[in-house]
Amino acid sequence: MSELIVMLTHNDETVQNAKDVFLSCKDLPVKFWGFKNIGLPVSQMKDLVDTMRAAEKTTFLEVVTLTEEECLEGAKMAVDCGFDFLLGTVFYQSVADYCKKMQVKYLPFCGKIHGHPSILEGTPEEIADSAFALQEAGCHGTDILAYRNPKDPEEVIKAVIKKVNFLVVVAGSIATFDRIDIVQKLNPWTFTIGSALFDGKFGSDKSFYAQLKTVCDYMNNQKTI
């Protein structure tokens, strides 16, 4: 089944107390953790990545800026901070070349992205074709903002998974158990949850720890069904 990437982000920005939140939850059964390139000074980002890796977690930086200069800067940030994966960015060959040289796994957004928080435009077929082009360009995978697509998020996920044979991450606005069920049924490699945990969408106890534990327990129950 799909794995969860916990994003220490709210409204597409890393939360100020990200390290404290991580430390409070690091013993929960989640191996993938990440955050955005916006919200913390680089020194704190490096410290947080070091803390995550010391806890034997796999780390993800998701870059939500869109110009080539900003995307390349995000890639350099991923390398400087020691991340395992770079998620997001609009695809640029310069970013792909840099990530390949520095041995960071690169999973850019597929489809047309704009705005902040980001919006995904296009039909499922167009988005899938975009993902296939990323595969042909040698990327390790793609980051789909499926639930930021105003037309048919589920069909977007289906189309991409059918079209490609590399890592697929579903990111953005997975804020209900129903959406977790749908994503798990479609079975991408991973999916992200961030803001919904901070907004208390999963149960009556609104603490981040309780929210994440509820999601972990729910996913574990799915695996045993």
N, C-alpha and C. Protein backbone atom coordinates (compact mmCIF):
# COMPACT_ATOMS: atom_id res chain seq x y z
N MET A 1 0.84 -1.20 0.00
CA MET A 1 0.00 0.00 0.00
C MET A 1 0.87 1.25 0.00
N SER A 2 0.26 2.35 -0.38
CA SER A 2 0.99 3.63 -0.42
C SER A 2 1.50 4.01 0.96
N GLU A 3 2.67 4.64 0.98
CA GLU A 3 3.24 5.15 2.23
C GLU A 3 2.88 6.61 2.41
N LEU A 4 2.86 7.04 3.66
CA LEU A 4 2.57 8.43 4.01
C LEU A 4 3.85 9.23 4.14
N ILE A 5 3.88 10.41 3.53
CA ILE A 5 4.91 11.42 3.81
C ILE A 5 4.26 12.49 4.68
N VAL A 6 4.74 12.65 5.89
CA VAL A 6 4.23 13.71 6.76
C VAL A 6 4.96 15.00 6.43
N MET A 7 4.20 16.01 6.05
CA MET A 7 4.77 17.32 5.73
C MET A 7 4.54 18.28 6.90
N LEU A 8 5.61 18.84 7.41
CA LEU A 8 5.51 19.77 8.53
C LEU A 8 5.23 21.18 8.00
N THR A 9 4.12 21.25 7.27
CA THR A 9 3.77 22.49 6.57
C THR A 9 2.29 22.81 6.75
N HIS A 10 1.99 24.09 6.66
CA HIS A 10 0.61 24.57 6.75
C HIS A 10 0.44 25.67 5.72
N ASN A 11 -0.56 25.50 4.86
CA ASN A 11 -0.80 26.46 3.77
C ASN A 11 0.46 26.69 2.92
N ASP A 12 1.12 25.58 2.60
CA ASP A 12 2.28 25.57 1.71
C ASP A 12 3.50 26.30 2.28
N GLU A 13 3.59 26.41 3.60
CA GLU A 13 4.79 26.93 4.24
C GLU A 13 5.16 26.05 5.43
N THR A 14 6.45 25.88 5.65
CA THR A 14 6.92 25.11 6.81
C THR A 14 6.56 25.85 8.09
N VAL A 15 6.06 25.09 9.08
CA VAL A 15 5.65 25.71 10.34
C VAL A 15 6.88 26.09 11.16
N GLN A 16 6.75 27.12 11.95
CA GLN A 16 7.88 27.63 12.71
C GLN A 16 8.41 26.64 13.74
N ASN A 17 7.53 25.83 14.32
CA ASN A 17 7.94 24.88 15.36
C ASN A 17 8.10 23.47 14.80
N ALA A 18 8.53 23.38 13.55
CA ALA A 18 8.60 22.08 12.86
C ALA A 18 9.46 21.06 13.62
N LYS A 19 10.59 21.50 14.15
CA LYS A 19 11.46 20.54 14.86
C LYS A 19 10.78 19.99 16.10
N ASP A 20 10.13 20.85 16.87
CA ASP A 20 9.43 20.38 18.08
C ASP A 20 8.32 19.40 17.71
N VAL A 21 7.59 19.71 16.64
CA VAL A 21 6.52 18.82 16.20
C VAL A 21 7.10 17.46 15.80
N PHE A 22 8.18 17.50 15.04
CA PHE A 22 8.80 16.23 14.62
C PHE A 22 9.24 15.42 15.83
N LEU A 23 9.94 16.05 16.76
CA LEU A 23 10.46 15.32 17.92
C LEU A 23 9.33 14.70 18.74
N SER A 24 8.19 15.36 18.77
CA SER A 24 7.06 14.82 19.53
C SER A 24 6.45 13.59 18.87
N CYS A 25 6.73 13.40 17.57
CA CYS A 25 6.08 12.35 16.80
C CYS A 25 7.04 11.34 16.19
N LYS A 26 8.33 11.48 16.43
CA LYS A 26 9.32 10.70 15.69
C LYS A 26 9.22 9.20 15.95
N ASP A 27 8.60 8.79 17.06
CA ASP A 27 8.49 7.37 17.36
C ASP A 27 7.23 6.73 16.78
N LEU A 28 6.38 7.53 16.14
CA LEU A 28 5.24 6.96 15.44
C LEU A 28 5.72 6.23 14.18
N PRO A 29 4.95 5.27 13.68
CA PRO A 29 5.42 4.44 12.56
C PRO A 29 5.31 5.14 11.21
N VAL A 30 6.08 6.22 11.06
CA VAL A 30 6.15 6.97 9.80
C VAL A 30 7.63 7.14 9.47
N LYS A 31 8.03 6.66 8.29
CA LYS A 31 9.45 6.76 7.94
C LYS A 31 9.76 7.91 7.00
N PHE A 32 8.72 8.49 6.35
CA PHE A 32 8.92 9.57 5.39
C PHE A 32 8.44 10.89 5.98
N TRP A 33 9.34 11.89 5.99
CA TRP A 33 9.04 13.21 6.54
C TRP A 33 9.58 14.29 5.62
N GLY A 34 8.86 15.41 5.58
CA GLY A 34 9.34 16.50 4.73
C GLY A 34 8.77 17.84 5.12
N PHE A 35 9.20 18.85 4.37
CA PHE A 35 8.68 20.20 4.55
C PHE A 35 9.00 21.01 3.31
N LYS A 36 8.55 22.27 3.32
CA LYS A 36 8.68 23.13 2.15
C LYS A 36 9.96 23.97 2.22
N ASN A 37 10.29 24.57 1.11
CA ASN A 37 11.46 25.46 1.05
C ASN A 37 11.14 26.87 1.55
N ILE A 38 9.94 27.08 2.04
CA ILE A 38 9.50 28.39 2.52
C ILE A 38 9.09 28.26 3.99
N GLY A 39 9.52 29.21 4.81
CA GLY A 39 9.04 29.25 6.19
C GLY A 39 10.10 29.19 7.27
N LEU A 40 11.26 28.58 6.98
CA LEU A 40 12.33 28.49 7.97
C LEU A 40 13.64 29.00 7.39
N PRO A 41 14.52 29.58 8.22
CA PRO A 41 15.87 29.89 7.76
C PRO A 41 16.61 28.61 7.39
N VAL A 42 17.55 28.71 6.48
CA VAL A 42 18.27 27.53 6.01
C VAL A 42 18.98 26.81 7.16
N SER A 43 19.51 27.56 8.11
CA SER A 43 20.21 26.93 9.24
C SER A 43 19.26 26.01 10.03
N GLN A 44 18.02 26.44 10.20
CA GLN A 44 17.05 25.61 10.91
C GLN A 44 16.61 24.42 10.05
N MET A 45 16.55 24.62 8.74
CA MET A 45 16.22 23.52 7.85
C MET A 45 17.30 22.43 7.94
N LYS A 46 18.55 22.84 7.91
CA LYS A 46 19.65 21.87 8.01
C LYS A 46 19.57 21.10 9.33
N ASP A 47 19.31 21.81 10.40
CA ASP A 47 19.21 21.17 11.71
C ASP A 47 18.06 20.18 11.75
N LEU A 48 16.94 20.55 11.15
CA LEU A 48 15.78 19.66 11.13
C LEU A 48 16.05 18.41 10.31
N VAL A 49 16.68 18.57 9.15
CA VAL A 49 17.03 17.39 8.33
C VAL A 49 18.00 16.49 9.09
N ASP A 50 18.98 17.08 9.73
CA ASP A 50 19.93 16.28 10.53
C ASP A 50 19.19 15.50 11.62
N THR A 51 18.24 16.16 12.26
CA THR A 51 17.46 15.53 13.32
C THR A 51 16.62 14.38 12.77
N MET A 52 16.02 14.59 11.62
CA MET A 52 15.22 13.53 11.00
C MET A 52 16.09 12.34 10.60
N ARG A 53 17.23 12.63 10.00
CA ARG A 53 18.09 11.54 9.54
C ARG A 53 18.72 10.79 10.71
N ALA A 54 18.97 11.49 11.80
CA ALA A 54 19.46 10.82 13.01
C ALA A 54 18.42 9.85 13.55
N ALA A 55 17.15 10.15 13.30
CA ALA A 55 16.05 9.27 13.70
C ALA A 55 15.73 8.23 12.63
N GLU A 56 16.62 8.13 11.62
CA GLU A 56 16.52 7.13 10.55
C GLU A 56 15.28 7.34 9.68
N LYS A 57 14.96 8.60 9.43
CA LYS A 57 13.85 8.93 8.54
C LYS A 57 14.38 9.28 7.15
N THR A 58 13.53 9.09 6.14
CA THR A 58 13.81 9.53 4.78
C THR A 58 13.21 10.91 4.59
N THR A 59 13.97 11.83 3.99
CA THR A 59 13.59 13.25 4.01
C THR A 59 13.26 13.78 2.62
N PHE A 60 12.29 14.69 2.60
CA PHE A 60 11.77 15.26 1.36
C PHE A 60 11.68 16.78 1.48
N LEU A 61 12.24 17.48 0.53
CA LEU A 61 12.01 18.92 0.40
C LEU A 61 11.06 19.13 -0.77
N GLU A 62 9.94 19.81 -0.52
CA GLU A 62 9.02 20.15 -1.60
C GLU A 62 9.15 21.63 -1.91
N VAL A 63 9.50 21.93 -3.14
CA VAL A 63 9.72 23.30 -3.60
C VAL A 63 8.48 23.77 -4.35
N VAL A 64 7.89 24.86 -3.89
CA VAL A 64 6.64 25.34 -4.48
C VAL A 64 6.83 26.64 -5.27
N THR A 65 8.07 27.10 -5.38
CA THR A 65 8.35 28.25 -6.25
C THR A 65 8.55 27.74 -7.68
N LEU A 66 8.34 28.61 -8.67
CA LEU A 66 8.12 28.12 -10.03
C LEU A 66 9.09 28.62 -11.10
N THR A 67 9.84 29.70 -10.87
CA THR A 67 10.77 30.15 -11.90
C THR A 67 12.00 29.25 -11.91
N GLU A 68 12.73 29.25 -13.03
CA GLU A 68 13.91 28.40 -13.11
C GLU A 68 14.93 28.77 -12.04
N GLU A 69 15.13 30.05 -11.84
CA GLU A 69 16.10 30.50 -10.83
C GLU A 69 15.69 30.01 -9.44
N GLU A 70 14.41 30.15 -9.10
CA GLU A 70 13.94 29.73 -7.78
C GLU A 70 13.99 28.21 -7.63
N CYS A 71 13.67 27.49 -8.70
CA CYS A 71 13.70 26.03 -8.64
C CYS A 71 15.12 25.51 -8.49
N LEU A 72 16.05 26.12 -9.20
CA LEU A 72 17.45 25.71 -9.06
C LEU A 72 17.98 26.04 -7.67
N GLU A 73 17.55 27.18 -7.15
CA GLU A 73 17.91 27.54 -5.77
C GLU A 73 17.37 26.51 -4.79
N GLY A 74 16.12 26.04 -5.03
CA GLY A 74 15.54 25.01 -4.18
C GLY A 74 16.31 23.71 -4.25
N ALA A 75 16.77 23.34 -5.46
CA ALA A 75 17.56 22.13 -5.61
C ALA A 75 18.87 22.23 -4.83
N LYS A 76 19.50 23.39 -4.90
CA LYS A 76 20.75 23.59 -4.15
C LYS A 76 20.49 23.55 -2.65
N MET A 77 19.34 24.06 -2.24
CA MET A 77 18.95 23.99 -0.84
C MET A 77 18.79 22.53 -0.40
N ALA A 78 18.18 21.71 -1.26
CA ALA A 78 18.00 20.30 -0.94
C ALA A 78 19.35 19.61 -0.73
N VAL A 79 20.31 19.95 -1.60
CA VAL A 79 21.65 19.37 -1.47
C VAL A 79 22.34 19.88 -0.22
N ASP A 80 22.31 21.18 0.00
CA ASP A 80 23.00 21.78 1.15
C ASP A 80 22.46 21.24 2.48
N CYS A 81 21.15 20.97 2.51
CA CYS A 81 20.53 20.52 3.76
C CYS A 81 20.58 19.01 3.92
N GLY A 82 20.93 18.29 2.86
CA GLY A 82 21.06 16.84 2.96
C GLY A 82 19.79 16.04 2.76
N PHE A 83 18.82 16.60 2.04
CA PHE A 83 17.59 15.87 1.77
C PHE A 83 17.84 14.67 0.86
N ASP A 84 17.00 13.66 0.99
CA ASP A 84 17.06 12.49 0.12
C ASP A 84 16.33 12.73 -1.20
N PHE A 85 15.21 13.46 -1.14
CA PHE A 85 14.36 13.68 -2.31
C PHE A 85 14.05 15.16 -2.47
N LEU A 86 13.95 15.59 -3.72
CA LEU A 86 13.44 16.90 -4.07
C LEU A 86 12.10 16.71 -4.77
N LEU A 87 11.04 17.19 -4.13
CA LEU A 87 9.70 17.16 -4.71
C LEU A 87 9.36 18.54 -5.25
N GLY A 88 8.50 18.54 -6.28
CA GLY A 88 8.01 19.82 -6.78
C GLY A 88 8.98 20.49 -7.73
N THR A 89 8.81 21.76 -7.89
CA THR A 89 9.40 22.62 -8.91
C THR A 89 8.72 22.33 -10.25
N VAL A 90 8.63 23.32 -11.07
CA VAL A 90 8.38 23.08 -12.48
C VAL A 90 9.63 22.40 -13.04
N PHE A 91 9.46 21.46 -13.96
CA PHE A 91 10.64 20.79 -14.51
C PHE A 91 11.49 21.76 -15.32
N TYR A 92 12.77 21.77 -14.97
CA TYR A 92 13.77 22.46 -15.78
C TYR A 92 14.94 21.51 -15.95
N GLN A 93 15.51 21.48 -17.16
CA GLN A 93 16.63 20.58 -17.40
C GLN A 93 17.82 20.92 -16.50
N SER A 94 17.99 22.22 -16.22
CA SER A 94 19.10 22.62 -15.35
C SER A 94 18.96 22.03 -13.95
N VAL A 95 17.71 21.96 -13.46
CA VAL A 95 17.47 21.37 -12.14
C VAL A 95 17.70 19.87 -12.19
N ALA A 96 17.20 19.22 -13.25
CA ALA A 96 17.39 17.78 -13.39
C ALA A 96 18.88 17.43 -13.47
N ASP A 97 19.64 18.20 -14.24
CA ASP A 97 21.07 17.95 -14.38
C ASP A 97 21.79 18.12 -13.05
N TYR A 98 21.41 19.16 -12.32
CA TYR A 98 22.05 19.41 -11.02
C TYR A 98 21.74 18.28 -10.04
N CYS A 99 20.47 17.85 -9.98
CA CYS A 99 20.09 16.78 -9.06
C CYS A 99 20.80 15.48 -9.41
N LYS A 100 20.92 15.19 -10.70
CA LYS A 100 21.63 13.98 -11.12
C LYS A 100 23.09 14.04 -10.70
N LYS A 101 23.71 15.19 -10.90
CA LYS A 101 25.12 15.36 -10.53
C LYS A 101 25.31 15.19 -9.02
N MET A 102 24.35 15.72 -8.23
CA MET A 102 24.49 15.72 -6.78
C MET A 102 23.80 14.53 -6.11
N GLN A 103 23.24 13.65 -6.94
CA GLN A 103 22.62 12.41 -6.45
C GLN A 103 21.46 12.65 -5.49
N VAL A 104 20.63 13.61 -5.86
CA VAL A 104 19.35 13.83 -5.17
C VAL A 104 18.24 13.36 -6.10
N LYS A 105 17.32 12.56 -5.59
CA LYS A 105 16.23 12.05 -6.40
C LYS A 105 15.22 13.18 -6.66
N TYR A 106 14.90 13.39 -7.92
CA TYR A 106 14.12 14.56 -8.37
C TYR A 106 12.75 14.11 -8.87
N LEU A 107 11.69 14.62 -8.21
CA LEU A 107 10.31 14.31 -8.56
C LEU A 107 9.54 15.61 -8.76
N PRO A 108 9.64 16.22 -9.95
CA PRO A 108 8.98 17.50 -10.19
C PRO A 108 7.48 17.35 -10.37
N PHE A 109 6.78 18.49 -10.25
CA PHE A 109 5.35 18.51 -10.52
C PHE A 109 5.08 18.14 -11.97
N CYS A 110 4.00 17.43 -12.21
CA CYS A 110 3.51 17.24 -13.57
C CYS A 110 2.31 18.16 -13.79
N GLY A 111 2.02 18.46 -15.06
CA GLY A 111 0.93 19.36 -15.39
C GLY A 111 1.33 20.82 -15.24
N LYS A 112 0.37 21.70 -15.44
CA LYS A 112 0.59 23.14 -15.35
C LYS A 112 0.24 23.62 -13.95
N ILE A 113 1.23 24.22 -13.28
CA ILE A 113 1.08 24.67 -11.90
C ILE A 113 1.11 26.19 -11.84
N HIS A 114 0.22 26.77 -11.02
CA HIS A 114 0.29 28.21 -10.79
C HIS A 114 -0.31 28.52 -9.42
N GLY A 115 -0.02 29.73 -8.93
CA GLY A 115 -0.63 30.22 -7.70
C GLY A 115 0.06 29.74 -6.44
N HIS A 116 -0.41 30.25 -5.31
CA HIS A 116 0.10 29.88 -3.99
C HIS A 116 -1.03 30.06 -2.96
N PRO A 117 -1.59 28.98 -2.38
CA PRO A 117 -1.24 27.58 -2.61
C PRO A 117 -1.45 27.17 -4.07
N SER A 118 -0.68 26.19 -4.50
CA SER A 118 -0.59 25.82 -5.91
C SER A 118 -1.87 25.19 -6.43
N ILE A 119 -2.17 25.46 -7.70
CA ILE A 119 -3.29 24.88 -8.42
C ILE A 119 -2.76 24.09 -9.61
N LEU A 120 -3.35 22.94 -9.87
CA LEU A 120 -2.97 22.10 -11.00
C LEU A 120 -4.03 22.20 -12.10
N GLU A 121 -3.60 22.62 -13.28
CA GLU A 121 -4.51 22.75 -14.42
C GLU A 121 -4.32 21.58 -15.39
N GLY A 122 -5.36 21.33 -16.21
CA GLY A 122 -5.25 20.35 -17.27
C GLY A 122 -6.18 19.17 -17.09
N THR A 123 -6.42 18.46 -18.19
CA THR A 123 -7.20 17.23 -18.14
C THR A 123 -6.35 16.09 -17.61
N PRO A 124 -6.97 15.00 -17.17
CA PRO A 124 -6.17 13.85 -16.75
C PRO A 124 -5.18 13.39 -17.81
N GLU A 125 -5.62 13.39 -19.07
CA GLU A 125 -4.74 12.94 -20.15
C GLU A 125 -3.55 13.89 -20.33
N GLU A 126 -3.80 15.19 -20.25
CA GLU A 126 -2.71 16.16 -20.39
C GLU A 126 -1.71 16.04 -19.25
N ILE A 127 -2.23 15.85 -18.05
CA ILE A 127 -1.34 15.73 -16.89
C ILE A 127 -0.54 14.43 -16.96
N ALA A 128 -1.18 13.35 -17.41
CA ALA A 128 -0.47 12.08 -17.57
C ALA A 128 0.62 12.19 -18.63
N ASP A 129 0.32 12.88 -19.73
CA ASP A 129 1.33 13.07 -20.77
C ASP A 129 2.52 13.86 -20.23
N SER A 130 2.23 14.85 -19.39
CA SER A 130 3.29 15.63 -18.76
C SER A 130 4.15 14.74 -17.87
N ALA A 131 3.51 13.86 -17.11
CA ALA A 131 4.26 12.94 -16.25
C ALA A 131 5.15 12.00 -17.08
N PHE A 132 4.60 11.52 -18.20
CA PHE A 132 5.38 10.63 -19.07
C PHE A 132 6.61 11.35 -19.63
N ALA A 133 6.44 12.63 -19.95
CA ALA A 133 7.59 13.41 -20.44
C ALA A 133 8.67 13.52 -19.37
N LEU A 134 8.27 13.62 -18.11
CA LEU A 134 9.24 13.66 -17.01
C LEU A 134 9.98 12.32 -16.90
N GLN A 135 9.25 11.25 -17.09
CA GLN A 135 9.89 9.92 -17.07
C GLN A 135 10.91 9.81 -18.19
N GLU A 136 10.52 10.26 -19.38
CA GLU A 136 11.43 10.21 -20.53
C GLU A 136 12.66 11.08 -20.31
N ALA A 137 12.51 12.14 -19.52
CA ALA A 137 13.63 13.05 -19.24
C ALA A 137 14.56 12.50 -18.17
N GLY A 138 14.21 11.36 -17.58
CA GLY A 138 15.09 10.72 -16.61
C GLY A 138 14.83 11.05 -15.16
N CYS A 139 13.68 11.68 -14.86
CA CYS A 139 13.35 11.98 -13.46
C CYS A 139 13.05 10.68 -12.70
N HIS A 140 13.23 10.73 -11.38
CA HIS A 140 12.94 9.56 -10.56
C HIS A 140 11.44 9.34 -10.38
N GLY A 141 10.66 10.39 -10.56
CA GLY A 141 9.23 10.28 -10.37
C GLY A 141 8.56 11.62 -10.57
N THR A 142 7.31 11.71 -10.12
CA THR A 142 6.59 12.97 -10.23
C THR A 142 5.75 13.23 -9.00
N ASP A 143 5.46 14.48 -8.78
CA ASP A 143 4.68 14.99 -7.66
C ASP A 143 3.37 15.53 -8.25
N ILE A 144 2.24 14.87 -7.95
CA ILE A 144 0.95 15.28 -8.53
C ILE A 144 0.13 16.02 -7.48
N LEU A 145 -0.25 17.24 -7.79
CA LEU A 145 -1.16 17.99 -6.92
C LEU A 145 -2.61 17.65 -7.31
N ALA A 146 -2.94 16.38 -7.18
CA ALA A 146 -4.20 15.88 -7.75
C ALA A 146 -5.43 16.59 -7.17
N TYR A 147 -5.45 16.77 -5.86
CA TYR A 147 -6.62 17.40 -5.24
C TYR A 147 -6.58 18.92 -5.31
N ARG A 148 -5.59 19.44 -6.02
CA ARG A 148 -5.59 20.86 -6.38
C ARG A 148 -6.06 21.04 -7.82
N ASN A 149 -6.53 19.96 -8.43
CA ASN A 149 -7.09 20.03 -9.77
C ASN A 149 -8.61 20.17 -9.65
N PRO A 150 -9.20 21.24 -10.22
CA PRO A 150 -10.62 21.50 -9.99
C PRO A 150 -11.57 20.57 -10.74
N LYS A 151 -11.05 19.71 -11.61
CA LYS A 151 -11.94 18.91 -12.46
C LYS A 151 -12.17 17.51 -11.90
N ASP A 152 -11.17 16.65 -11.92
CA ASP A 152 -11.38 15.27 -11.50
C ASP A 152 -10.11 14.68 -10.91
N PRO A 153 -9.85 14.94 -9.63
CA PRO A 153 -8.60 14.48 -9.02
C PRO A 153 -8.36 12.98 -9.13
N GLU A 154 -9.39 12.19 -8.92
CA GLU A 154 -9.19 10.75 -8.96
C GLU A 154 -8.78 10.28 -10.35
N GLU A 155 -9.40 10.84 -11.37
CA GLU A 155 -9.04 10.45 -12.73
C GLU A 155 -7.62 10.90 -13.09
N VAL A 156 -7.20 12.03 -12.50
CA VAL A 156 -5.81 12.48 -12.70
C VAL A 156 -4.84 11.44 -12.16
N ILE A 157 -5.09 10.97 -10.94
CA ILE A 157 -4.20 9.98 -10.33
C ILE A 157 -4.19 8.70 -11.17
N LYS A 158 -5.37 8.23 -11.53
CA LYS A 158 -5.47 7.00 -12.34
C LYS A 158 -4.70 7.13 -13.64
N ALA A 159 -4.89 8.26 -14.31
CA ALA A 159 -4.26 8.44 -15.62
C ALA A 159 -2.74 8.46 -15.52
N VAL A 160 -2.23 9.13 -14.50
CA VAL A 160 -0.77 9.21 -14.33
C VAL A 160 -0.19 7.84 -14.01
N ILE A 161 -0.80 7.14 -13.06
CA ILE A 161 -0.28 5.82 -12.67
C ILE A 161 -0.31 4.85 -13.84
N LYS A 162 -1.33 4.92 -14.65
CA LYS A 162 -1.44 4.05 -15.82
C LYS A 162 -0.38 4.37 -16.87
N LYS A 163 -0.01 5.64 -16.97
CA LYS A 163 0.86 6.11 -18.05
C LYS A 163 2.34 5.88 -17.77
N VAL A 164 2.74 5.91 -16.50
CA VAL A 164 4.17 5.94 -16.19
C VAL A 164 4.61 4.71 -15.41
N ASN A 165 5.90 4.56 -15.32
CA ASN A 165 6.50 3.46 -14.57
C ASN A 165 7.64 3.99 -13.72
N PHE A 166 7.34 5.00 -12.91
CA PHE A 166 8.31 5.52 -11.96
C PHE A 166 7.57 5.97 -10.71
N LEU A 167 8.25 6.60 -9.78
CA LEU A 167 7.65 6.94 -8.49
C LEU A 167 6.60 8.03 -8.65
N VAL A 168 5.44 7.82 -8.04
CA VAL A 168 4.34 8.78 -8.08
C VAL A 168 3.98 9.19 -6.66
N VAL A 169 4.06 10.49 -6.39
CA VAL A 169 3.65 11.06 -5.11
C VAL A 169 2.40 11.88 -5.33
N VAL A 170 1.36 11.62 -4.55
CA VAL A 170 0.14 12.43 -4.60
C VAL A 170 0.20 13.42 -3.44
N ALA A 171 0.15 14.70 -3.75
CA ALA A 171 0.37 15.73 -2.73
C ALA A 171 -0.76 16.76 -2.75
N GLY A 172 -1.08 17.29 -1.58
CA GLY A 172 -1.97 18.44 -1.51
C GLY A 172 -3.42 18.09 -1.22
N SER A 173 -3.94 18.62 -0.12
CA SER A 173 -5.37 18.62 0.19
C SER A 173 -5.95 17.23 0.44
N ILE A 174 -5.16 16.30 0.95
CA ILE A 174 -5.70 15.02 1.40
C ILE A 174 -6.07 15.21 2.86
N ALA A 175 -7.34 15.54 3.08
CA ALA A 175 -7.77 16.04 4.38
C ALA A 175 -8.95 15.27 4.96
N THR A 176 -9.26 14.09 4.41
CA THR A 176 -10.35 13.27 4.92
C THR A 176 -9.94 11.80 4.85
N PHE A 177 -10.62 10.98 5.66
CA PHE A 177 -10.39 9.53 5.58
C PHE A 177 -10.83 9.00 4.22
N ASP A 178 -11.87 9.56 3.65
CA ASP A 178 -12.33 9.12 2.34
C ASP A 178 -11.23 9.30 1.29
N ARG A 179 -10.54 10.42 1.35
CA ARG A 179 -9.46 10.65 0.39
C ARG A 179 -8.28 9.72 0.62
N ILE A 180 -8.00 9.42 1.89
CA ILE A 180 -6.97 8.42 2.17
C ILE A 180 -7.37 7.09 1.56
N ASP A 181 -8.64 6.71 1.71
CA ASP A 181 -9.13 5.45 1.13
C ASP A 181 -8.94 5.43 -0.38
N ILE A 182 -9.30 6.54 -1.02
CA ILE A 182 -9.21 6.62 -2.49
C ILE A 182 -7.76 6.50 -2.94
N VAL A 183 -6.89 7.25 -2.28
CA VAL A 183 -5.47 7.21 -2.66
C VAL A 183 -4.90 5.82 -2.44
N GLN A 184 -5.24 5.21 -1.30
CA GLN A 184 -4.73 3.86 -1.04
C GLN A 184 -5.23 2.86 -2.08
N LYS A 185 -6.48 3.02 -2.51
CA LYS A 185 -7.02 2.13 -3.53
C LYS A 185 -6.28 2.29 -4.86
N LEU A 186 -5.96 3.54 -5.20
CA LEU A 186 -5.26 3.81 -6.47
C LEU A 186 -3.79 3.44 -6.39
N ASN A 187 -3.22 3.46 -5.16
CA ASN A 187 -1.91 2.90 -4.86
C ASN A 187 -0.73 3.57 -5.55
N PRO A 188 -0.59 4.91 -5.43
CA PRO A 188 0.68 5.53 -5.81
C PRO A 188 1.77 5.11 -4.83
N TRP A 189 3.00 5.49 -5.13
CA TRP A 189 4.10 5.15 -4.21
C TRP A 189 3.89 5.76 -2.83
N THR A 190 3.60 7.05 -2.80
CA THR A 190 3.38 7.75 -1.53
C THR A 190 2.34 8.85 -1.72
N PHE A 191 1.87 9.38 -0.58
CA PHE A 191 1.03 10.57 -0.60
C PHE A 191 1.39 11.43 0.61
N THR A 192 1.14 12.71 0.50
CA THR A 192 1.50 13.63 1.59
C THR A 192 0.27 14.11 2.34
N ILE A 193 0.46 14.32 3.63
CA ILE A 193 -0.52 15.05 4.45
C ILE A 193 0.26 16.07 5.28
N GLY A 194 -0.20 17.30 5.29
CA GLY A 194 0.44 18.35 6.06
C GLY A 194 -0.57 19.22 6.77
N SER A 195 -1.15 20.17 6.04
CA SER A 195 -2.07 21.14 6.65
C SER A 195 -3.21 20.50 7.41
N ALA A 196 -3.74 19.39 6.89
CA ALA A 196 -4.89 18.76 7.53
C ALA A 196 -4.58 18.30 8.95
N LEU A 197 -3.33 17.89 9.19
CA LEU A 197 -2.93 17.48 10.54
C LEU A 197 -2.88 18.67 11.49
N PHE A 198 -2.43 19.81 10.97
CA PHE A 198 -2.41 21.02 11.80
C PHE A 198 -3.80 21.61 11.99
N ASP A 199 -4.69 21.35 11.04
CA ASP A 199 -6.06 21.87 11.11
C ASP A 199 -7.00 20.95 11.89
N GLY A 200 -6.50 19.81 12.35
CA GLY A 200 -7.32 18.92 13.16
C GLY A 200 -8.44 18.22 12.41
N LYS A 201 -8.15 17.76 11.20
CA LYS A 201 -9.19 17.15 10.36
C LYS A 201 -9.46 15.68 10.69
N PHE A 202 -8.61 15.07 11.52
CA PHE A 202 -8.71 13.63 11.74
C PHE A 202 -8.99 13.32 13.21
N GLY A 203 -10.22 13.54 13.63
CA GLY A 203 -10.61 13.19 14.99
C GLY A 203 -10.74 14.38 15.92
N SER A 204 -11.24 14.11 17.12
CA SER A 204 -11.59 15.18 18.06
C SER A 204 -10.39 15.77 18.78
N ASP A 205 -9.35 14.98 19.00
CA ASP A 205 -8.14 15.49 19.66
C ASP A 205 -7.32 16.24 18.60
N LYS A 206 -7.18 17.54 18.77
CA LYS A 206 -6.60 18.38 17.73
C LYS A 206 -5.07 18.51 17.81
N SER A 207 -4.43 17.87 18.80
CA SER A 207 -2.98 17.94 18.86
C SER A 207 -2.38 17.24 17.64
N PHE A 208 -1.25 17.73 17.19
CA PHE A 208 -0.62 17.14 15.99
C PHE A 208 -0.32 15.66 16.23
N TYR A 209 0.22 15.35 17.39
CA TYR A 209 0.55 13.95 17.69
C TYR A 209 -0.69 13.07 17.59
N ALA A 210 -1.78 13.49 18.20
CA ALA A 210 -3.00 12.68 18.18
C ALA A 210 -3.54 12.54 16.76
N GLN A 211 -3.47 13.63 15.99
CA GLN A 211 -3.94 13.58 14.61
C GLN A 211 -3.13 12.57 13.79
N LEU A 212 -1.81 12.64 13.92
CA LEU A 212 -0.96 11.74 13.15
C LEU A 212 -1.13 10.30 13.61
N LYS A 213 -1.24 10.09 14.91
CA LYS A 213 -1.44 8.72 15.41
C LYS A 213 -2.75 8.15 14.90
N THR A 214 -3.78 8.98 14.84
CA THR A 214 -5.06 8.52 14.31
C THR A 214 -4.92 8.07 12.86
N VAL A 215 -4.20 8.86 12.06
CA VAL A 215 -3.99 8.50 10.66
C VAL A 215 -3.16 7.22 10.55
N CYS A 216 -2.11 7.12 11.35
CA CYS A 216 -1.28 5.90 11.33
C CYS A 216 -2.10 4.67 11.70
N ASP A 217 -2.91 4.79 12.75
CA ASP A 217 -3.74 3.66 13.18
C ASP A 217 -4.74 3.29 12.09
N TYR A 218 -5.31 4.29 11.46
CA TYR A 218 -6.28 4.06 10.39
C TYR A 218 -5.62 3.31 9.23
N MET A 219 -4.45 3.77 8.83
CA MET A 219 -3.75 3.12 7.72
C MET A 219 -3.33 1.70 8.10
N ASN A 220 -2.91 1.50 9.33
CA ASN A 220 -2.52 0.16 9.77
C ASN A 220 -3.71 -0.79 9.74
N ASN A 221 -4.88 -0.28 10.12
CA ASN A 221 -6.09 -1.11 10.07
C ASN A 221 -6.44 -1.47 8.64
N GLN A 222 -6.21 -0.54 7.71
CA GLN A 222 -6.45 -0.82 6.29
C GLN A 222 -5.59 -1.99 5.81
N LYS A 223 -4.34 -2.01 6.27
CA LYS A 223 -3.41 -3.05 5.82
C LYS A 223 -3.83 -4.43 6.29
N THR A 224 -4.54 -4.48 7.43
CA THR A 224 -4.91 -5.78 8.00
C THR A 224 -6.27 -6.26 7.54
N ILE A 225 -6.98 -5.43 6.79
CA ILE A 225 -8.32 -5.82 6.30
C ILE A 225 -8.18 -6.74 5.08
